[in-house]
Protein backbone atom coordinates (compact mmCIF):
# COMPACT_ATOMS: atom_id res chain seq x y z
CA MET A 1 37.79 12.74 55.85
CA LYS A 2 39.40 10.44 53.58
CA LYS A 3 36.75 8.07 53.49
CA LEU A 4 33.89 10.21 52.65
CA LEU A 5 36.28 10.89 49.91
CA PHE A 6 36.82 8.28 48.56
CA ILE A 7 32.70 7.15 49.15
CA SER A 8 32.09 10.61 47.10
CA MET A 9 34.50 9.43 44.40
CA VAL A 10 33.11 6.03 43.78
CA THR A 11 29.34 7.04 43.51
CA LEU A 12 30.39 10.24 40.72
CA VAL A 13 32.37 7.27 38.88
CA MET A 14 29.48 5.01 39.52
CA ALA A 15 26.87 7.82 38.69
CA SER A 16 28.71 8.59 35.46
CA CYS A 17 28.99 4.99 34.00
CA ASN A 18 24.82 4.74 34.19
CA ASN A 19 24.45 3.47 30.53
CA GLU A 20 20.26 4.60 31.39
CA THR A 21 21.23 7.20 28.81
CA GLN A 22 17.31 8.86 27.52
CA LYS A 23 16.47 7.65 23.79
CA THR A 24 14.54 10.20 21.75
CA VAL A 25 12.20 7.93 19.70
CA VAL A 26 11.52 10.51 16.08
CA THR A 27 8.47 9.63 14.55
CA PRO A 28 7.80 10.67 11.61
CA THR A 29 4.37 13.52 11.22
CA PHE A 30 1.57 11.74 8.96
CA SER A 31 1.10 13.83 5.71
CA LEU A 32 -2.15 13.25 4.00
CA ASP A 33 -0.34 15.23 1.11
CA SER A 34 2.31 13.37 0.96
CA ALA A 35 0.07 9.86 1.09
CA LYS A 36 -1.98 11.35 -1.96
CA MET A 37 1.29 12.07 -3.62
CA ALA A 38 2.45 8.38 -2.96
CA ILE A 39 -0.91 6.16 -3.86
CA ALA A 40 -0.99 9.20 -7.48
CA GLU A 41 2.68 7.42 -7.64
CA SER A 42 1.51 4.14 -7.56
CA ASN A 43 -1.40 4.04 -9.12
CA LYS A 44 0.52 5.96 -12.11
CA THR A 45 2.32 3.38 -12.46
CA TYR A 46 -0.12 -0.13 -11.77
CA GLY A 47 -1.65 -0.60 -14.87
CA GLU A 48 1.91 -0.99 -16.37
CA GLY A 49 2.66 -3.94 -15.22
CA PHE A 50 -0.30 -5.57 -17.31
CA ALA A 51 1.80 -3.58 -20.46
CA LYS A 52 4.87 -4.98 -19.82
CA ALA A 53 3.51 -8.16 -18.95
CA ASP A 54 5.36 -7.50 -15.61
CA SER A 55 3.47 -9.59 -12.58
CA SER A 56 5.78 -8.53 -10.38
CA LEU A 57 5.86 -4.90 -10.67
CA PHE A 58 2.11 -5.69 -10.15
CA ILE A 59 1.96 -7.64 -6.86
CA SER A 60 4.98 -4.99 -5.66
CA LYS A 61 1.65 -2.26 -5.29
CA TYR A 62 0.03 -4.85 -2.50
CA THR A 63 1.22 -5.77 1.53
CA LYS A 64 2.63 -9.06 1.63
CA ASP A 65 -1.27 -10.06 2.99
CA GLY A 66 -2.95 -7.73 0.51
CA CYS A 67 -5.80 -9.09 -1.10
CA ILE A 68 -8.31 -8.10 -3.96
CA MET A 69 -12.27 -8.51 -3.82
CA PRO A 70 -13.21 -8.57 -7.38
CA ALA A 71 -17.14 -8.93 -8.02
CA ASN A 72 -18.62 -12.09 -8.45
CA ALA A 73 -15.30 -13.53 -7.33
CA PRO A 74 -13.97 -14.98 -3.96
CA LYS A 75 -11.58 -12.83 -2.31
CA LEU A 76 -7.97 -13.22 -3.56
CA CYS A 77 -4.88 -12.63 -0.84
CA GLY A 78 -1.18 -12.91 -0.48
CA SER A 79 1.45 -12.62 -3.51
CA GLN A 80 0.68 -16.12 -5.17
CA ALA A 81 -3.09 -15.25 -5.30
CA ILE A 82 -2.61 -11.78 -6.42
CA GLY A 83 -0.29 -13.04 -9.18
CA MET A 84 -2.89 -15.43 -10.25
CA PHE A 85 -5.41 -12.37 -10.43
CA PHE A 86 -2.63 -10.94 -12.86
CA LYS A 87 -2.50 -14.02 -15.31
CA GLY A 88 -6.46 -14.13 -15.42
CA ALA A 89 -6.82 -10.15 -16.00
CA GLN A 90 -4.13 -11.02 -18.95
CA GLY A 91 -6.10 -13.66 -20.35
CA MET A 92 -8.93 -11.69 -20.73
CA GLY A 93 -7.18 -8.77 -22.66
CA VAL A 94 -6.03 -6.24 -19.89
CA GLN A 95 -3.18 -4.58 -21.35
CA ASN A 96 -3.30 -1.15 -18.94
CA ILE A 97 -5.40 -0.28 -15.99
CA ARG A 98 -6.50 3.70 -15.73
CA LEU A 99 -7.18 4.63 -12.53
CA THR A 100 -8.95 8.05 -11.16
CA THR A 101 -8.47 8.86 -7.57
CA GLU A 102 -11.89 10.90 -6.42
CA GLU A 103 -11.21 11.02 -2.86
CA VAL A 104 -8.27 9.93 -0.14
CA MET A 105 -9.02 10.15 3.38
CA GLY A 106 -6.87 8.51 6.58
CA GLY A 107 -4.41 8.63 9.00
CA PRO A 108 -0.52 7.49 9.98
CA GLU A 109 -2.48 3.84 10.28
CA VAL A 110 -4.68 3.56 7.32
CA VAL A 111 -5.64 5.42 4.06
CA VAL A 112 -8.90 5.23 2.14
CA GLU A 113 -9.18 5.49 -1.39
CA THR A 114 -12.12 5.90 -3.58
CA GLY A 115 -12.54 6.42 -7.45
CA GLN A 116 -13.08 5.06 -10.34
CA TYR A 117 -10.97 2.61 -12.95
CA GLU A 118 -11.03 1.43 -16.84
CA LEU A 119 -9.36 -1.64 -18.02
CA LEU A 120 -8.11 -0.95 -21.86
CA GLY A 121 -7.34 -3.63 -23.87
CA ALA A 122 -5.25 -3.82 -27.49
CA GLU A 123 -5.09 -0.46 -28.62
CA ASN A 124 -6.03 1.48 -25.91
CA LYS A 125 -9.99 0.16 -26.15
CA SER A 126 -12.50 -0.24 -23.00
CA LEU A 127 -12.70 -3.57 -21.73
CA ASP A 128 -14.87 -2.25 -18.45
CA LYS A 129 -15.62 0.59 -16.45
CA GLY A 130 -16.36 0.94 -12.37
CA LYS A 131 -15.59 1.92 -9.65
CA PHE A 132 -12.90 1.31 -6.80
CA VAL A 133 -12.24 1.16 -2.65
CA VAL A 134 -8.39 0.82 -1.91
CA VAL A 135 -7.18 0.56 1.79
CA TRP A 136 -3.62 1.62 1.83
CA LYS A 137 -1.21 0.64 4.56
CA MET A 138 2.31 1.67 4.99
CA GLU A 139 4.53 -1.47 4.65
CA ASP A 140 8.61 -1.39 4.50
CA GLY A 141 8.01 2.74 4.44
CA LYS A 142 6.07 2.96 1.60
CA TRP A 143 2.13 2.85 0.86
CA LYS A 144 0.42 -0.04 -0.36
CA MET A 145 -2.77 -1.47 -1.29
CA HIS A 146 -3.83 -3.55 1.77
CA ARG A 147 -7.29 -4.16 0.61
CA ASP A 148 -8.46 -3.68 -3.03
CA ILE A 149 -12.23 -3.76 -4.02
CA PHE A 150 -13.93 -2.99 -7.56
CA THR A 151 -17.06 -3.65 -8.92
CA THR A 152 -18.04 -3.07 -12.50
CA ASP A 153 -20.20 -0.37 -14.15
CA ALA A 154 -21.91 -2.98 -16.49
CA ALA A 155 -25.43 -3.95 -16.37
CA PRO A 156 -25.49 -7.47 -15.09
CA ALA A 157 -26.23 -9.97 -18.15
CA THR A 158 -29.62 -10.98 -18.95
CA GLN A 159 -30.73 -14.72 -19.30
């Protein structure tokens, strides 16, 4: 009897010492409205990088492996290349960018935005207008531009 009681106690102690506890994984629920608000806020401050001549503000809007794909130019990927794009646009007189979102769609992995852009120079003079498609991706808890492609509405130069 003592032996049976001892075995029962040891079994109980061992069972209570079991380190395998169930862990509940909480995954945040995706909200397209929340993504739209984050994109709208990012777009509001996107052009400020030019207005403030702050390339780091501009670059921070992109994922670490983000790419800009301008018309008639090679694809530019990564922070260094995006920084070079910023300097090139500044050299062309860009002092701000106005973005108008037309559509946002997607899910928890990727969100796609389409819209219109306007590049502004000194005294808010319009330098160029066109359309864009941006693929947004969550990085470090923030929606950031992962792929940014745009093309001008201006007619091609005639030769």
